[in-house]
Amino acid sequence: MTIGTENEPTLKDIVRKLDILTADVEKLKDVVEKFNDRFSNYQQATQWVVQLAFTLIVSATVTVIVTSVLRR
């Protein structure tokens, strides 16, 4: 009676697959880091746009108020 070891992976097969998985995880880490950098840039740009819009609204409001006060 023989044990069916033909279909079972060897330690070399497992190590090889672990090496492949490790390489894939490292690639994924790089992709995530690039995505985080890009997201941070977009977030900062959005914040600048909001600040610019707020500044424009405030300056327009101040202009209208000052103009109406000086006309009196």
PDB file of N, CA and C in Angstrom:
ATOM      1  N   MET A   1       0.825  -1.166   0.000  1.00  0.00           N
ATOM      2  CA  MET A   1       0.000   0.000   0.000  1.00  0.00           C
ATOM      3  C   MET A   1       0.880   1.244   0.000  1.00  0.00           C
ATOM      4  N   THR A   2       0.618   2.159  -0.928  1.00  0.00           N
ATOM      5  CA  THR A   2       1.418   3.367  -1.031  1.00  0.00           C
ATOM      6  C   THR A   2       0.570   4.582  -0.647  1.00  0.00           C
ATOM      7  N   ILE A   3       1.248   5.595  -0.134  1.00  0.00           N
ATOM      8  CA  ILE A   3       0.577   6.827   0.228  1.00  0.00           C
ATOM      9  C   ILE A   3       0.616   7.749  -0.979  1.00  0.00           C
ATOM     10  N   GLY A   4      -0.482   8.369  -1.297  1.00  0.00           N
ATOM     11  CA  GLY A   4      -0.575   9.227  -2.483  1.00  0.00           C
ATOM     12  C   GLY A   4       0.077  10.584  -2.252  1.00  0.00           C
ATOM     13  N   THR A   5       1.385  10.662  -2.412  1.00  0.00           N
ATOM     14  CA  THR A   5       2.112  11.918  -2.225  1.00  0.00           C
ATOM     15  C   THR A   5       2.316  12.647  -3.545  1.00  0.00           C
ATOM     16  N   GLU A   6       1.798  12.122  -4.629  1.00  0.00           N
ATOM     17  CA  GLU A   6       2.010  12.734  -5.931  1.00  0.00           C
ATOM     18  C   GLU A   6       1.323  14.102  -6.031  1.00  0.00           C
ATOM     19  N   ASN A   7       0.175  14.273  -5.418  1.00  0.00           N
ATOM     20  CA  ASN A   7      -0.577  15.513  -5.529  1.00  0.00           C
ATOM     21  C   ASN A   7      -0.252  16.501  -4.422  1.00  0.00           C
ATOM     22  N   GLU A   8       0.447  16.063  -3.434  1.00  0.00           N
ATOM     23  CA  GLU A   8       0.760  16.948  -2.319  1.00  0.00           C
ATOM     24  C   GLU A   8       1.951  17.840  -2.669  1.00  0.00           C
ATOM     25  N   PRO A   9       1.868  19.120  -2.303  1.00  0.00           N
ATOM     26  CA  PRO A   9       2.992  20.018  -2.601  1.00  0.00           C
ATOM     27  C   PRO A   9       4.188  19.715  -1.696  1.00  0.00           C
ATOM     28  N   THR A  10       5.340  19.936  -2.259  1.00  0.00           N
ATOM     29  CA  THR A  10       6.556  19.755  -1.473  1.00  0.00           C
ATOM     30  C   THR A  10       6.891  21.066  -0.769  1.00  0.00           C
ATOM     31  N   LEU A  11       7.846  21.022   0.119  1.00  0.00           N
ATOM     32  CA  LEU A  11       8.270  22.241   0.805  1.00  0.00           C
ATOM     33  C   LEU A  11       8.834  23.257  -0.187  1.00  0.00           C
ATOM     34  N   LYS A  12       9.506  22.769  -1.223  1.00  0.00           N
ATOM     35  CA  LYS A  12      10.033  23.677  -2.245  1.00  0.00           C
ATOM     36  C   LYS A  12       8.903  24.407  -2.958  1.00  0.00           C
ATOM     37  N   ASP A  13       7.812  23.688  -3.241  1.00  0.00           N
ATOM     38  CA  ASP A  13       6.657  24.316  -3.890  1.00  0.00           C
ATOM     39  C   ASP A  13       6.062  25.395  -2.991  1.00  0.00           C
ATOM     40  N   ILE A  14       5.954  25.097  -1.726  1.00  0.00           N
ATOM     41  CA  ILE A  14       5.388  26.054  -0.779  1.00  0.00           C
ATOM     42  C   ILE A  14       6.281  27.279  -0.649  1.00  0.00           C
ATOM     43  N   VAL A  15       7.584  27.058  -0.568  1.00  0.00           N
ATOM     44  CA  VAL A  15       8.526  28.182  -0.461  1.00  0.00           C
ATOM     45  C   VAL A  15       8.461  29.030  -1.717  1.00  0.00           C
ATOM     46  N   ARG A  16       8.376  28.413  -2.874  1.00  0.00           N
ATOM     47  CA  ARG A  16       8.295  29.134  -4.135  1.00  0.00           C
ATOM     48  C   ARG A  16       7.027  29.997  -4.170  1.00  0.00           C
ATOM     49  N   LYS A  17       5.911  29.418  -3.745  1.00  0.00           N
ATOM     50  CA  LYS A  17       4.667  30.183  -3.729  1.00  0.00           C
ATOM     51  C   LYS A  17       4.727  31.320  -2.712  1.00  0.00           C
ATOM     52  N   LEU A  18       5.353  31.082  -1.577  1.00  0.00           N
ATOM     53  CA  LEU A  18       5.521  32.151  -0.588  1.00  0.00           C
ATOM     54  C   LEU A  18       6.386  33.277  -1.130  1.00  0.00           C
ATOM     55  N   ASP A  19       7.424  32.922  -1.877  1.00  0.00           N
ATOM     56  CA  ASP A  19       8.265  33.947  -2.492  1.00  0.00           C
ATOM     57  C   ASP A  19       7.462  34.776  -3.502  1.00  0.00           C
ATOM     58  N   ILE A  20       6.626  34.120  -4.269  1.00  0.00           N
ATOM     59  CA  ILE A  20       5.789  34.827  -5.240  1.00  0.00           C
ATOM     60  C   ILE A  20       4.812  35.745  -4.517  1.00  0.00           C
ATOM     61  N   LEU A  21       4.202  35.234  -3.451  1.00  0.00           N
ATOM     62  CA  LEU A  21       3.266  36.052  -2.680  1.00  0.00           C
ATOM     63  C   LEU A  21       3.969  37.242  -2.040  1.00  0.00           C
ATOM     64  N   THR A  22       5.170  37.032  -1.548  1.00  0.00           N
ATOM     65  CA  THR A  22       5.937  38.120  -0.947  1.00  0.00           C
ATOM     66  C   THR A  22       6.238  39.196  -1.980  1.00  0.00           C
ATOM     67  N   ALA A  23       6.619  38.794  -3.176  1.00  0.00           N
ATOM     68  CA  ALA A  23       6.885  39.756  -4.246  1.00  0.00           C
ATOM     69  C   ALA A  23       5.610  40.511  -4.618  1.00  0.00           C
ATOM     70  N   ASP A  24       4.489  39.798  -4.667  1.00  0.00           N
ATOM     71  CA  ASP A  24       3.213  40.451  -4.984  1.00  0.00           C
ATOM     72  C   ASP A  24       2.823  41.458  -3.904  1.00  0.00           C
ATOM     73  N   VAL A  25       3.053  41.118  -2.654  1.00  0.00           N
ATOM     74  CA  VAL A  25       2.738  42.029  -1.547  1.00  0.00           C
ATOM     75  C   VAL A  25       3.617  43.277  -1.627  1.00  0.00           C
ATOM     76  N   GLU A  26       4.868  43.117  -1.970  1.00  0.00           N
ATOM     77  CA  GLU A  26       5.764  44.269  -2.104  1.00  0.00           C
ATOM     78  C   GLU A  26       5.300  45.184  -3.241  1.00  0.00           C
ATOM     79  N   LYS A  27       4.883  44.584  -4.357  1.00  0.00           N
ATOM     80  CA  LYS A  27       4.362  45.385  -5.472  1.00  0.00           C
ATOM     81  C   LYS A  27       3.099  46.123  -5.039  1.00  0.00           C
ATOM     82  N   LEU A  28       2.247  45.450  -4.295  1.00  0.00           N
ATOM     83  CA  LEU A  28       1.017  46.064  -3.816  1.00  0.00           C
ATOM     84  C   LEU A  28       1.311  47.211  -2.862  1.00  0.00           C
ATOM     85  N   LYS A  29       2.326  47.045  -2.026  1.00  0.00           N
ATOM     86  CA  LYS A  29       2.728  48.128  -1.123  1.00  0.00           C
ATOM     87  C   LYS A  29       3.151  49.354  -1.914  1.00  0.00           C
ATOM     88  N   ASP A  30       3.898  49.152  -2.993  1.00  0.00           N
ATOM     89  CA  ASP A  30       4.330  50.272  -3.835  1.00  0.00           C
ATOM     90  C   ASP A  30       3.130  50.967  -4.479  1.00  0.00           C
ATOM     91  N   VAL A  31       2.183  50.185  -4.960  1.00  0.00           N
ATOM     92  CA  VAL A  31       0.997  50.754  -5.596  1.00  0.00           C
ATOM     93  C   VAL A  31       0.186  51.557  -4.583  1.00  0.00           C
ATOM     94  N   VAL A  32       0.031  51.016  -3.378  1.00  0.00           N
ATOM     95  CA  VAL A  32      -0.731  51.707  -2.343  1.00  0.00           C
ATOM     96  C   VAL A  32      -0.032  53.000  -1.938  1.00  0.00           C
ATOM     97  N   GLU A  33       1.295  52.961  -1.853  1.00  0.00           N
ATOM     98  CA  GLU A  33       2.046  54.168  -1.498  1.00  0.00           C
ATOM     99  C   GLU A  33       1.864  55.254  -2.565  1.00  0.00           C
ATOM    100  N   LYS A  34       1.917  54.872  -3.836  1.00  0.00           N
ATOM    101  CA  LYS A  34       1.695  55.836  -4.916  1.00  0.00           C
ATOM    102  C   LYS A  34       0.280  56.390  -4.864  1.00  0.00           C
ATOM    103  N   PHE A  35      -0.689  55.514  -4.588  1.00  0.00           N
ATOM    104  CA  PHE A  35      -2.069  55.966  -4.482  1.00  0.00           C
ATOM    105  C   PHE A  35      -2.222  56.943  -3.324  1.00  0.00           C
ATOM    106  N   ASN A  36      -1.611  56.651  -2.197  1.00  0.00           N
ATOM    107  CA  ASN A  36      -1.692  57.549  -1.045  1.00  0.00           C
ATOM    108  C   ASN A  36      -1.082  58.912  -1.359  1.00  0.00           C
ATOM    109  N   ASP A  37       0.036  58.914  -2.079  1.00  0.00           N
ATOM    110  CA  ASP A  37       0.651  60.184  -2.474  1.00  0.00           C
ATOM    111  C   ASP A  37      -0.285  60.976  -3.378  1.00  0.00           C
ATOM    112  N   ARG A  38      -0.866  60.291  -4.351  1.00  0.00           N
ATOM    113  CA  ARG A  38      -1.781  60.949  -5.279  1.00  0.00           C
ATOM    114  C   ARG A  38      -3.013  61.478  -4.545  1.00  0.00           C
ATOM    115  N   PHE A  39      -3.553  60.670  -3.657  1.00  0.00           N
ATOM    116  CA  PHE A  39      -4.723  61.087  -2.888  1.00  0.00           C
ATOM    117  C   PHE A  39      -4.403  62.303  -2.026  1.00  0.00           C
ATOM    118  N   SER A  40      -3.227  62.301  -1.430  1.00  0.00           N
ATOM    119  CA  SER A  40      -2.811  63.436  -0.607  1.00  0.00           C
ATOM    120  C   SER A  40      -2.707  64.700  -1.453  1.00  0.00           C
ATOM    121  N   ASN A  41      -2.163  64.576  -2.650  1.00  0.00           N
ATOM    122  CA  ASN A  41      -2.060  65.733  -3.552  1.00  0.00           C
ATOM    123  C   ASN A  41      -3.437  66.258  -3.934  1.00  0.00           C
ATOM    124  N   TYR A  42      -4.367  65.353  -4.273  1.00  0.00           N
ATOM    125  CA  TYR A  42      -5.718  65.778  -4.626  1.00  0.00           C
ATOM    126  C   TYR A  42      -6.415  66.432  -3.441  1.00  0.00           C
ATOM    127  N   GLN A  43      -6.204  65.877  -2.264  1.00  0.00           N
ATOM    128  CA  GLN A  43      -6.825  66.440  -1.064  1.00  0.00           C
ATOM    129  C   GLN A  43      -6.302  67.852  -0.802  1.00  0.00           C
ATOM    130  N   GLN A  44      -5.009  68.040  -0.952  1.00  0.00           N
ATOM    131  CA  GLN A  44      -4.416  69.352  -0.740  1.00  0.00           C
ATOM    132  C   GLN A  44      -4.918  70.343  -1.796  1.00  0.00           C
ATOM    133  N   ALA A  45      -5.008  69.909  -3.042  1.00  0.00           N
ATOM    134  CA  ALA A  45      -5.494  70.784  -4.103  1.00  0.00           C
ATOM    135  C   ALA A  45      -6.947  71.174  -3.856  1.00  0.00           C
ATOM    136  N   THR A  46      -7.746  70.226  -3.414  1.00  0.00           N
ATOM    137  CA  THR A  46      -9.138  70.524  -3.103  1.00  0.00           C
ATOM    138  C   THR A  46      -9.237  71.536  -1.971  1.00  0.00           C
ATOM    139  N   GLN A  47      -8.406  71.375  -0.964  1.00  0.00           N
ATOM    140  CA  GLN A  47      -8.399  72.317   0.153  1.00  0.00           C
ATOM    141  C   GLN A  47      -8.031  73.722  -0.322  1.00  0.00           C
ATOM    142  N   TRP A  48      -7.056  73.807  -1.227  1.00  0.00           N
ATOM    143  CA  TRP A  48      -6.662  75.118  -1.765  1.00  0.00           C
ATOM    144  C   TRP A  48      -7.809  75.755  -2.551  1.00  0.00           C
ATOM    145  N   VAL A  49      -8.526  74.948  -3.326  1.00  0.00           N
ATOM    146  CA  VAL A  49      -9.651  75.475  -4.107  1.00  0.00           C
ATOM    147  C   VAL A  49     -10.745  75.990  -3.174  1.00  0.00           C
ATOM    148  N   VAL A  50     -11.023  75.253  -2.118  1.00  0.00           N
ATOM    149  CA  VAL A  50     -12.036  75.690  -1.152  1.00  0.00           C
ATOM    150  C   VAL A  50     -11.604  76.991  -0.487  1.00  0.00           C
ATOM    151  N   GLN A  51     -10.345  77.084  -0.111  1.00  0.00           N
ATOM    152  CA  GLN A  51      -9.845  78.309   0.510  1.00  0.00           C
ATOM    153  C   GLN A  51      -9.916  79.484  -0.460  1.00  0.00           C
ATOM    154  N   LEU A  52      -9.596  79.237  -1.717  1.00  0.00           N
ATOM    155  CA  LEU A  52      -9.673  80.286  -2.728  1.00  0.00           C
ATOM    156  C   LEU A  52     -11.110  80.759  -2.914  1.00  0.00           C
ATOM    157  N   ALA A  53     -12.034  79.813  -2.994  1.00  0.00           N
ATOM    158  CA  ALA A  53     -13.445  80.169  -3.147  1.00  0.00           C
ATOM    159  C   ALA A  53     -13.926  80.976  -1.940  1.00  0.00           C
ATOM    160  N   PHE A  54     -13.557  80.543  -0.756  1.00  0.00           N
ATOM    161  CA  PHE A  54     -13.954  81.268   0.452  1.00  0.00           C
ATOM    162  C   PHE A  54     -13.370  82.680   0.457  1.00  0.00           C
ATOM    163  N   THR A  55     -12.112  82.797   0.068  1.00  0.00           N
ATOM    164  CA  THR A  55     -11.468  84.111   0.012  1.00  0.00           C
ATOM    165  C   THR A  55     -12.169  85.021  -0.991  1.00  0.00           C
ATOM    166  N   LEU A  56     -12.517  84.485  -2.152  1.00  0.00           N
ATOM    167  CA  LEU A  56     -13.223  85.284  -3.155  1.00  0.00           C
ATOM    168  C   LEU A  56     -14.591  85.732  -2.656  1.00  0.00           C
ATOM    169  N   ILE A  57     -15.308  84.856  -1.980  1.00  0.00           N
ATOM    170  CA  ILE A  57     -16.622  85.212  -1.432  1.00  0.00           C
ATOM    171  C   ILE A  57     -16.483  86.300  -0.374  1.00  0.00           C
ATOM    172  N   VAL A  58     -15.503  86.149   0.515  1.00  0.00           N
ATOM    173  CA  VAL A  58     -15.285  87.141   1.570  1.00  0.00           C
ATOM    174  C   VAL A  58     -14.884  88.481   0.964  1.00  0.00           C
ATOM    175  N   SER A  59     -13.986  88.464   0.011  1.00  0.00           N
ATOM    176  CA  SER A  59     -13.548  89.736  -0.584  1.00  0.00           C
ATOM    177  C   SER A  59     -14.686  90.415  -1.342  1.00  0.00           C
ATOM    178  N   ALA A  60     -15.522  89.649  -2.019  1.00  0.00           N
ATOM    179  CA  ALA A  60     -16.669  90.235  -2.712  1.00  0.00           C
ATOM    180  C   ALA A  60     -17.654  90.825  -1.706  1.00  0.00           C
ATOM    181  N   THR A  61     -17.878  90.122  -0.610  1.00  0.00           N
ATOM    182  CA  THR A  61     -18.776  90.622   0.429  1.00  0.00           C
ATOM    183  C   THR A  61     -18.244  91.910   1.040  1.00  0.00           C
ATOM    184  N   VAL A  62     -16.953  91.927   1.347  1.00  0.00           N
ATOM    185  CA  VAL A  62     -16.337  93.134   1.920  1.00  0.00           C
ATOM    186  C   VAL A  62     -16.432  94.287   0.920  1.00  0.00           C
ATOM    187  N   THR A  63     -16.214  94.031  -0.331  1.00  0.00           N
ATOM    188  CA  THR A  63     -16.292  95.068  -1.362  1.00  0.00           C
ATOM    189  C   THR A  63     -17.697  95.658  -1.429  1.00  0.00           C
ATOM    190  N   VAL A  64     -18.693  94.801  -1.406  1.00  0.00           N
ATOM    191  CA  VAL A  64     -20.078  95.281  -1.457  1.00  0.00           C
ATOM    192  C   VAL A  64     -20.396  96.115  -0.220  1.00  0.00           C
ATOM    193  N   ILE A  65     -19.973  95.657   0.945  1.00  0.00           N
ATOM    194  CA  ILE A  65     -20.256  96.383   2.190  1.00  0.00           C
ATOM    195  C   ILE A  65     -19.528  97.723   2.195  1.00  0.00           C
ATOM    196  N   VAL A  66     -18.264  97.732   1.849  1.00  0.00           N
ATOM    197  CA  VAL A  66     -17.486  98.971   1.842  1.00  0.00           C
ATOM    198  C   VAL A  66     -18.067  99.950   0.820  1.00  0.00           C
ATOM    199  N   THR A  67     -18.428  99.471  -0.325  1.00  0.00           N
ATOM    200  CA  THR A  67     -19.009 100.339  -1.361  1.00  0.00           C
ATOM    201  C   THR A  67     -20.316 100.960  -0.875  1.00  0.00           C
ATOM    202  N   SER A  68     -21.156 100.165  -0.244  1.00  0.00           N
ATOM    203  CA  SER A  68     -22.434 100.700   0.219  1.00  0.00           C
ATOM    204  C   SER A  68     -22.245 101.676   1.373  1.00  0.00           C
ATOM    205  N   VAL A  69     -21.256 101.463   2.222  1.00  0.00           N
ATOM    206  CA  VAL A  69     -20.998 102.383   3.337  1.00  0.00           C
ATOM    207  C   VAL A  69     -20.418 103.701   2.805  1.00  0.00           C
ATOM    208  N   LEU A  70     -19.534 103.642   1.850  1.00  0.00           N
ATOM    209  CA  LEU A  70     -18.913 104.862   1.336  1.00  0.00           C
ATOM    210  C   LEU A  70     -19.865 105.709   0.510  1.00  0.00           C
ATOM    211  N   ARG A  71     -20.896 105.145  -0.054  1.00  0.00           N
ATOM    212  CA  ARG A  71     -21.860 105.895  -0.840  1.00  0.00           C
ATOM    213  C   ARG A  71     -22.753 106.767   0.043  1.00  0.00           C
ATOM    214  N   ARG A  72     -22.868 106.441   1.300  1.00  0.00           N
ATOM    215  CA  ARG A  72     -23.739 107.209   2.212  1.00  0.00           C
ATOM    216  C   ARG A  72     -23.130 108.459   2.616  1.00  0.00           C
TER     217      ARG A  72
END
